[in-house]
């Protein structure tokens, strides 16, 4: 069983910053990839940023240059540093772990709300 616990969401003014954390139960080396997704009200869930076990990253065009995904293996935690936030970044942010090789499935956290005011 894998548990992912997000934290760090909140209310911030446009132009501000937040750092989201996703703490995993057990080693994150078990995961082929960890990623952050978001879902705004009335919209589909979309990929924000992904980090492979090999260290390669992938970002949505809308966040390139503003968001950075990183990890701390010792703390079993993946981070999403969000700078220059815009109102359109408002969404529930979810942590995702690709555990297909180890457990045959993906895992999701419960989500954390990010609200950016104009």
C-alpha atoms as a PDB file:
ATOM      1  CA  UNK A   1       0.000   0.000   0.000  1.00  0.00           C
ATOM      2  CA  UNK A   2       1.211   3.476  -0.897  1.00  0.00           C
ATOM      3  CA  UNK A   3       0.056   6.658   0.788  1.00  0.00           C
ATOM      4  CA  UNK A   4       0.691  10.113  -0.573  1.00  0.00           C
ATOM      5  CA  UNK A   5       0.062  13.127   1.633  1.00  0.00           C
ATOM      6  CA  UNK A   6       0.063  16.591   0.110  1.00  0.00           C
ATOM      7  CA  UNK A   7       0.520  19.820   2.020  1.00  0.00           C
ATOM      8  CA  UNK A   8       1.387  23.438   1.382  1.00  0.00           C
ATOM      9  CA  UNK A   9      -1.688  24.709  -0.383  1.00  0.00           C
ATOM     10  CA  UNK A  10      -3.435  27.912   0.564  1.00  0.00           C
ATOM     11  CA  UNK A  11      -4.484  31.375  -0.504  1.00  0.00           C
ATOM     12  CA  UNK A  12      -1.936  33.657  -2.130  1.00  0.00           C
ATOM     13  CA  UNK A  13      -2.048  36.872  -4.117  1.00  0.00           C
ATOM     14  CA  UNK A  14      -1.153  36.928  -7.781  1.00  0.00           C
ATOM     15  CA  UNK A  15       2.601  37.099  -8.195  1.00  0.00           C
ATOM     16  CA  UNK A  16       3.211  35.229  -4.979  1.00  0.00           C
ATOM     17  CA  UNK A  17       4.735  31.821  -4.329  1.00  0.00           C
ATOM     18  CA  UNK A  18       3.817  28.550  -2.681  1.00  0.00           C
ATOM     19  CA  UNK A  19       5.618  25.268  -2.219  1.00  0.00           C
ATOM     20  CA  UNK A  20       3.617  22.075  -2.253  1.00  0.00           C
ATOM     21  CA  UNK A  21       4.932  18.913  -0.641  1.00  0.00           C
ATOM     22  CA  UNK A  22       3.994  15.304  -1.264  1.00  0.00           C
ATOM     23  CA  UNK A  23       5.207  12.887   1.374  1.00  0.00           C
ATOM     24  CA  UNK A  24       5.167   9.234   0.383  1.00  0.00           C
ATOM     25  CA  UNK A  25       5.017   6.208   2.643  1.00  0.00           C
ATOM     26  CA  UNK A  26       8.139   4.244   1.862  1.00  0.00           C
ATOM     27  CA  UNK A  27      10.897   4.860  -0.643  1.00  0.00           C
ATOM     28  CA  UNK A  28      10.072   6.949  -3.687  1.00  0.00           C
ATOM     29  CA  UNK A  29      12.623   4.937  -5.631  1.00  0.00           C
ATOM     30  CA  UNK A  30       9.812   2.405  -6.067  1.00  0.00           C
ATOM     31  CA  UNK A  31       8.072   4.792  -8.420  1.00  0.00           C
ATOM     32  CA  UNK A  32       8.916   5.175 -12.076  1.00  0.00           C
ATOM     33  CA  UNK A  33       7.670   8.728 -11.956  1.00  0.00           C
ATOM     34  CA  UNK A  34       6.087  11.184  -9.564  1.00  0.00           C
ATOM     35  CA  UNK A  35       3.978  14.034 -10.773  1.00  0.00           C
ATOM     36  CA  UNK A  36       1.699  16.888  -9.834  1.00  0.00           C
ATOM     37  CA  UNK A  37      -1.686  17.287 -11.476  1.00  0.00           C
ATOM     38  CA  UNK A  38      -4.325  19.934 -10.935  1.00  0.00           C
ATOM     39  CA  UNK A  39      -8.023  20.221 -11.439  1.00  0.00           C
ATOM     40  CA  UNK A  40      -9.804  23.531 -11.592  1.00  0.00           C
ATOM     41  CA  UNK A  41     -13.515  23.802 -10.928  1.00  0.00           C
ATOM     42  CA  UNK A  42     -15.431  22.520 -13.923  1.00  0.00           C
ATOM     43  CA  UNK A  43     -12.324  21.411 -15.794  1.00  0.00           C
ATOM     44  CA  UNK A  44     -10.508  18.154 -16.403  1.00  0.00           C
ATOM     45  CA  UNK A  45      -7.507  17.129 -14.368  1.00  0.00           C
ATOM     46  CA  UNK A  46      -4.291  18.102 -16.120  1.00  0.00           C
ATOM     47  CA  UNK A  47      -0.622  17.326 -15.730  1.00  0.00           C
ATOM     48  CA  UNK A  48       1.369  20.171 -14.205  1.00  0.00           C
ATOM     49  CA  UNK A  49       4.834  18.675 -13.738  1.00  0.00           C
ATOM     50  CA  UNK A  50       6.452  15.258 -13.699  1.00  0.00           C
ATOM     51  CA  UNK A  51       9.756  13.925 -12.415  1.00  0.00           C
ATOM     52  CA  UNK A  52      11.059  10.544 -13.509  1.00  0.00           C
ATOM     53  CA  UNK A  53      13.131   8.242 -11.351  1.00  0.00           C
ATOM     54  CA  UNK A  54      16.043   9.103 -13.638  1.00  0.00           C
ATOM     55  CA  UNK A  55      15.653  12.779 -12.919  1.00  0.00           C
ATOM     56  CA  UNK A  56      14.079  14.034 -16.139  1.00  0.00           C
ATOM     57  CA  UNK A  57      11.294  16.574 -15.841  1.00  0.00           C
ATOM     58  CA  UNK A  58       8.281  17.528 -17.879  1.00  0.00           C
ATOM     59  CA  UNK A  59       6.136  20.637 -17.437  1.00  0.00           C
ATOM     60  CA  UNK A  60       2.876  21.897 -18.813  1.00  0.00           C
ATOM     61  CA  UNK A  61       3.464  24.830 -21.141  1.00  0.00           C
ATOM     62  CA  UNK A  62       1.373  27.056 -18.879  1.00  0.00           C
ATOM     63  CA  UNK A  63       3.773  26.651 -15.940  1.00  0.00           C
ATOM     64  CA  UNK A  64       7.169  26.444 -17.645  1.00  0.00           C
ATOM     65  CA  UNK A  65       9.595  28.903 -16.131  1.00  0.00           C
ATOM     66  CA  UNK A  66       7.388  29.438 -13.073  1.00  0.00           C
ATOM     67  CA  UNK A  67       7.055  26.008 -11.430  1.00  0.00           C
ATOM     68  CA  UNK A  68       9.795  23.572 -10.438  1.00  0.00           C
ATOM     69  CA  UNK A  69       9.376  19.943  -9.414  1.00  0.00           C
ATOM     70  CA  UNK A  70      12.022  18.366  -7.210  1.00  0.00           C
ATOM     71  CA  UNK A  71      12.473  15.571  -4.713  1.00  0.00           C
ATOM     72  CA  UNK A  72      14.251  14.721  -1.504  1.00  0.00           C
ATOM     73  CA  UNK A  73      14.839  10.987  -1.494  1.00  0.00           C
ATOM     74  CA  UNK A  74      15.835  10.863   2.167  1.00  0.00           C
ATOM     75  CA  UNK A  75      12.582  12.556   3.159  1.00  0.00           C
ATOM     76  CA  UNK A  76      10.564  10.538   0.611  1.00  0.00           C
ATOM     77  CA  UNK A  77       9.053  13.819  -0.502  1.00  0.00           C
ATOM     78  CA  UNK A  78       8.388  15.481  -3.832  1.00  0.00           C
ATOM     79  CA  UNK A  79       7.965  19.235  -4.031  1.00  0.00           C
ATOM     80  CA  UNK A  80       6.352  21.675  -6.399  1.00  0.00           C
ATOM     81  CA  UNK A  81       7.742  25.175  -6.084  1.00  0.00           C
ATOM     82  CA  UNK A  82       5.281  27.599  -7.631  1.00  0.00           C
ATOM     83  CA  UNK A  83       6.391  31.157  -8.354  1.00  0.00           C
ATOM     84  CA  UNK A  84       4.727  34.067 -10.109  1.00  0.00           C
ATOM     85  CA  UNK A  85       1.345  32.548  -9.418  1.00  0.00           C
ATOM     86  CA  UNK A  86      -1.618  33.619 -11.512  1.00  0.00           C
ATOM     87  CA  UNK A  87      -5.358  33.423 -10.803  1.00  0.00           C
ATOM     88  CA  UNK A  88      -5.604  30.738 -13.499  1.00  0.00           C
ATOM     89  CA  UNK A  89      -3.360  28.515 -11.347  1.00  0.00           C
ATOM     90  CA  UNK A  90      -6.240  28.192  -8.881  1.00  0.00           C
ATOM     91  CA  UNK A  91      -7.092  24.506  -8.570  1.00  0.00           C
ATOM     92  CA  UNK A  92      -6.871  21.451  -6.393  1.00  0.00           C
ATOM     93  CA  UNK A  93      -3.382  20.033  -6.797  1.00  0.00           C
ATOM     94  CA  UNK A  94      -2.864  16.287  -6.620  1.00  0.00           C
ATOM     95  CA  UNK A  95       0.271  14.254  -6.165  1.00  0.00           C
ATOM     96  CA  UNK A  96       0.576  11.160  -8.342  1.00  0.00           C
ATOM     97  CA  UNK A  97       2.934   8.187  -8.185  1.00  0.00           C
ATOM     98  CA  UNK A  98       3.474   5.809 -11.089  1.00  0.00           C
ATOM     99  CA  UNK A  99       3.853   2.549  -9.216  1.00  0.00           C
ATOM    100  CA  UNK A 100       2.939   0.231 -12.076  1.00  0.00           C
ATOM    101  CA  UNK A 101       6.245  -1.629 -12.020  1.00  0.00           C
ATOM    102  CA  UNK A 102       6.060  -2.295  -8.285  1.00  0.00           C
ATOM    103  CA  UNK A 103       2.356  -2.404  -7.481  1.00  0.00           C
ATOM    104  CA  UNK A 104       0.690  -2.474 -10.892  1.00  0.00           C
ATOM    105  CA  UNK A 105      -1.129   0.839 -10.516  1.00  0.00           C
ATOM    106  CA  UNK A 106      -1.009   4.569 -10.003  1.00  0.00           C
ATOM    107  CA  UNK A 107      -1.553   6.206  -6.629  1.00  0.00           C
ATOM    108  CA  UNK A 108      -3.076   9.593  -5.847  1.00  0.00           C
ATOM    109  CA  UNK A 109      -2.981  11.888  -2.874  1.00  0.00           C
ATOM    110  CA  UNK A 110      -6.080  13.540  -1.457  1.00  0.00           C
ATOM    111  CA  UNK A 111      -5.320  16.914  -3.014  1.00  0.00           C
ATOM    112  CA  UNK A 112      -4.532  20.352  -1.678  1.00  0.00           C
ATOM    113  CA  UNK A 113      -6.331  23.559  -2.632  1.00  0.00           C
ATOM    114  CA  UNK A 114      -4.378  26.426  -4.158  1.00  0.00           C
ATOM    115  CA  UNK A 115      -6.238  29.700  -4.582  1.00  0.00           C
ATOM    116  CA  UNK A 116      -4.627  32.691  -6.259  1.00  0.00           C
ATOM    117  CA  UNK A 117      -6.406  35.999  -5.858  1.00  0.00           C
ATOM    118  CA  UNK A 118      -6.092  38.829  -8.347  1.00  0.00           C
END
